[in-house]
Amino acid sequence: MTTDTENAAPAPLPILERRRIEAAFAKALYDQLLPEIGRERARAVLARAIEVMAREAGAAMAAEDRATRGTADLATFHERLALWTAGDALRLEVIESAPDRLGFNVTRCRYAESYRAMGVEEIGDILSCNRDGEFMCGYRPDVRFTRTQTIMQGASHCDFRYSLPAGGPQESPE
């Protein structure tokens, strides 16, 4: 006899936990690439792979948001930030939230803390920080993303700024 809980789908892993698992694999791969192709090329190969994954994840989330919420815009993206902050993985200070702008600072990043603890801080920027702009390219290619500093690189906070071009195309519900 089975129960409802036995048949239930497992809860999805929090993003922080997924990043830890990915980081362990990425480090093993990176360590093998280093003697073969050198640091610069190994970082570039890893970065390209992460960028592709991030764009695909952004596009998949946008498709899901269009299907379930009717749109994939900065407001829906703002709501989705809870996925990355779950379990106090990130602490955010929202600077502005408008239909054409979203700005926030990350004042604590457990992703960076985890990478340092795992000994993968050399590639931590690739594993997380480089995803951010590429994710948005998949989610909304017309959104401009800027960030001038990251905790992973030693700054006190990360400054995320997203904006739609003035008079640019707006997402309409499908």
Protein backbone atom coordinates (compact mmCIF):
# COMPACT_ATOMS: atom_id res chain seq x y z
CA MET A 1 0.00 0.00 0.00
CA THR A 2 1.35 3.43 -0.90
CA THR A 3 0.51 6.70 0.70
CA ASP A 4 0.07 10.11 -0.87
CA THR A 5 3.43 11.22 0.51
CA GLU A 6 5.19 8.29 -1.17
CA ASN A 7 3.71 9.30 -4.52
CA ALA A 8 4.32 13.03 -4.10
CA ALA A 9 7.04 14.60 -6.18
CA PRO A 10 10.09 15.52 -4.14
CA ALA A 11 10.41 19.18 -3.24
CA PRO A 12 12.78 20.97 -5.59
CA LEU A 13 16.23 21.65 -4.22
CA PRO A 14 16.82 25.23 -3.16
CA ILE A 15 19.02 27.08 -5.65
CA LEU A 16 21.81 27.48 -3.07
CA GLU A 17 21.98 23.70 -2.64
CA ARG A 18 21.95 23.17 -6.42
CA ARG A 19 24.84 25.63 -6.75
CA ARG A 20 26.85 23.73 -4.12
CA ILE A 21 26.38 20.48 -6.04
CA GLU A 22 27.23 22.15 -9.34
CA ALA A 23 30.29 23.80 -7.76
CA ALA A 24 31.69 20.46 -6.61
CA PHE A 25 31.36 19.05 -10.12
CA ALA A 26 32.63 22.23 -11.79
CA LYS A 27 35.72 22.29 -9.55
CA ALA A 28 36.57 18.68 -10.42
CA LEU A 29 36.23 19.48 -14.12
CA TYR A 30 38.11 22.77 -13.81
CA ASP A 31 40.97 21.06 -11.95
CA GLN A 32 41.31 18.60 -14.84
CA LEU A 33 41.19 21.34 -17.47
CA LEU A 34 43.86 23.51 -15.80
CA PRO A 35 46.91 21.38 -16.66
CA GLU A 36 45.53 20.57 -20.11
CA ILE A 37 44.59 24.04 -21.38
CA GLY A 38 45.66 26.56 -18.73
CA ARG A 39 43.79 28.88 -16.39
CA GLU A 40 42.51 31.42 -18.92
CA ARG A 41 41.09 28.86 -21.32
CA ALA A 42 39.70 26.65 -18.52
CA ARG A 43 37.84 29.66 -17.08
CA ALA A 44 36.55 30.59 -20.55
CA VAL A 45 35.26 27.06 -21.25
CA LEU A 46 33.53 26.88 -17.87
CA ALA A 47 32.08 30.38 -18.32
CA ARG A 48 30.62 29.53 -21.74
CA ALA A 49 28.93 26.43 -20.36
CA ILE A 50 27.44 28.34 -17.41
CA GLU A 51 26.27 31.17 -19.70
CA VAL A 52 24.39 28.71 -21.93
CA MET A 53 22.79 27.08 -18.89
CA ALA A 54 21.78 30.48 -17.50
CA ARG A 55 20.18 31.68 -20.76
CA GLU A 56 18.26 28.41 -21.09
CA ALA A 57 17.09 28.64 -17.45
CA GLY A 58 15.98 32.25 -18.01
CA ALA A 59 14.04 31.33 -21.14
CA ALA A 60 12.39 28.39 -19.35
CA MET A 61 11.35 30.58 -16.43
CA ALA A 62 9.99 33.23 -18.81
CA ALA A 63 7.93 30.59 -20.62
CA GLU A 64 6.61 29.32 -17.28
CA ASP A 65 5.78 32.86 -16.14
CA ARG A 66 3.96 33.62 -19.41
CA ALA A 67 1.97 30.40 -19.05
CA THR A 68 1.10 30.80 -15.36
CA ARG A 69 1.20 34.56 -14.77
CA GLY A 70 0.44 35.88 -18.24
CA THR A 71 3.70 37.79 -18.59
CA ALA A 72 7.43 37.73 -18.01
CA ASP A 73 8.29 41.27 -16.98
CA LEU A 74 10.32 42.97 -14.28
CA ALA A 75 7.44 42.65 -11.80
CA THR A 76 7.19 38.88 -12.26
CA PHE A 77 10.98 38.62 -12.16
CA HIS A 78 10.97 40.61 -8.90
CA GLU A 79 8.48 38.11 -7.43
CA ARG A 80 10.73 35.25 -8.52
CA LEU A 81 13.71 36.59 -6.56
CA ALA A 82 12.37 34.55 -3.65
CA LEU A 83 13.81 31.49 -5.37
CA TRP A 84 17.35 32.84 -4.98
CA THR A 85 16.83 34.26 -1.48
CA ALA A 86 15.26 31.11 0.00
CA GLY A 87 16.89 29.96 3.21
CA ASP A 88 18.56 33.34 3.66
CA ALA A 89 20.81 32.56 0.67
CA LEU A 90 20.77 36.24 -0.28
CA ARG A 91 19.83 39.33 1.66
CA LEU A 92 18.40 42.03 -0.56
CA GLU A 93 17.82 45.72 -0.14
CA VAL A 94 15.39 46.84 -2.84
CA ILE A 95 16.33 50.29 -4.15
CA GLU A 96 13.56 50.68 -6.72
CA SER A 97 10.80 48.62 -8.25
CA ALA A 98 8.81 50.03 -11.15
CA PRO A 99 7.37 48.56 -14.35
CA ASP A 100 10.50 49.56 -16.28
CA ARG A 101 13.14 49.36 -13.51
CA LEU A 102 14.26 47.04 -10.75
CA GLY A 103 17.22 47.82 -8.55
CA PHE A 104 18.49 46.07 -5.46
CA ASN A 105 21.66 45.49 -3.52
CA VAL A 106 22.70 42.11 -2.22
CA THR A 107 24.09 42.73 1.25
CA ARG A 108 24.83 39.08 2.09
CA CYS A 109 25.59 36.29 -0.35
CA ARG A 110 25.72 32.76 0.98
CA TYR A 111 26.59 31.60 -2.54
CA ALA A 112 29.94 33.42 -2.22
CA GLU A 113 30.33 32.18 1.35
CA SER A 114 29.70 28.59 0.20
CA TYR A 115 32.20 28.81 -2.64
CA ARG A 116 34.87 30.14 -0.29
CA ALA A 117 34.14 27.36 2.23
CA MET A 118 34.35 24.78 -0.57
CA GLY A 119 37.64 26.17 -1.86
CA VAL A 120 36.17 27.15 -5.23
CA GLU A 121 36.31 30.93 -4.90
CA GLU A 122 38.63 31.08 -7.94
CA ILE A 123 35.63 30.12 -10.08
CA GLY A 124 32.85 31.45 -7.84
CA ASP A 125 32.33 34.45 -10.09
CA ILE A 126 31.76 32.12 -13.02
CA LEU A 127 29.47 29.78 -11.09
CA SER A 128 27.07 32.47 -9.86
CA CYS A 129 27.89 36.08 -10.71
CA ASN A 130 28.27 35.52 -14.44
CA ARG A 131 24.86 33.82 -14.57
CA ASP A 132 22.93 36.95 -13.68
CA GLY A 133 23.13 38.89 -16.93
CA GLU A 134 22.88 35.77 -19.07
CA PHE A 135 19.81 34.60 -17.15
CA MET A 136 18.10 37.90 -17.93
CA CYS A 137 19.09 37.55 -21.62
CA GLY A 138 17.03 34.37 -21.63
CA TYR A 139 14.22 35.78 -19.52
CA ARG A 140 13.81 39.17 -21.23
CA PRO A 141 16.47 39.97 -23.87
CA ASP A 142 15.32 43.61 -24.02
CA VAL A 143 16.13 44.26 -20.35
CA ARG A 144 19.42 45.99 -19.67
CA PHE A 145 21.37 44.58 -16.72
CA THR A 146 24.19 46.41 -14.99
CA ARG A 147 26.26 45.58 -11.95
CA THR A 148 29.48 47.31 -10.99
CA GLN A 149 30.58 45.20 -8.04
CA THR A 150 30.07 41.86 -6.32
CA ILE A 151 30.65 40.40 -2.90
CA MET A 152 32.43 37.50 -4.62
CA GLN A 153 35.03 39.98 -5.86
CA GLY A 154 35.43 41.50 -2.39
CA ALA A 155 32.91 44.37 -2.46
CA SER A 156 30.63 45.14 0.49
CA HIS A 157 27.56 44.41 -1.66
CA CYS A 158 26.42 43.54 -5.17
CA ASP A 159 24.52 46.26 -7.02
CA PHE A 160 21.92 44.79 -9.37
CA ARG A 161 20.14 47.18 -11.74
CA TYR A 162 17.65 46.12 -14.41
CA SER A 163 15.90 48.47 -16.81
CA LEU A 164 13.78 48.38 -19.92
CA PRO A 165 14.72 50.78 -22.72
CA ALA A 166 12.68 54.00 -22.78
CA GLY A 167 9.73 53.50 -25.10
CA GLY A 168 10.96 49.99 -25.82
CA PRO A 169 8.77 46.97 -26.34
CA GLN A 170 6.69 45.95 -23.37
CA GLU A 171 5.72 42.37 -22.75
CA SER A 172 2.04 41.80 -23.32
CA PRO A 173 0.08 38.89 -21.91
CA GLU A 174 -0.34 36.04 -24.35
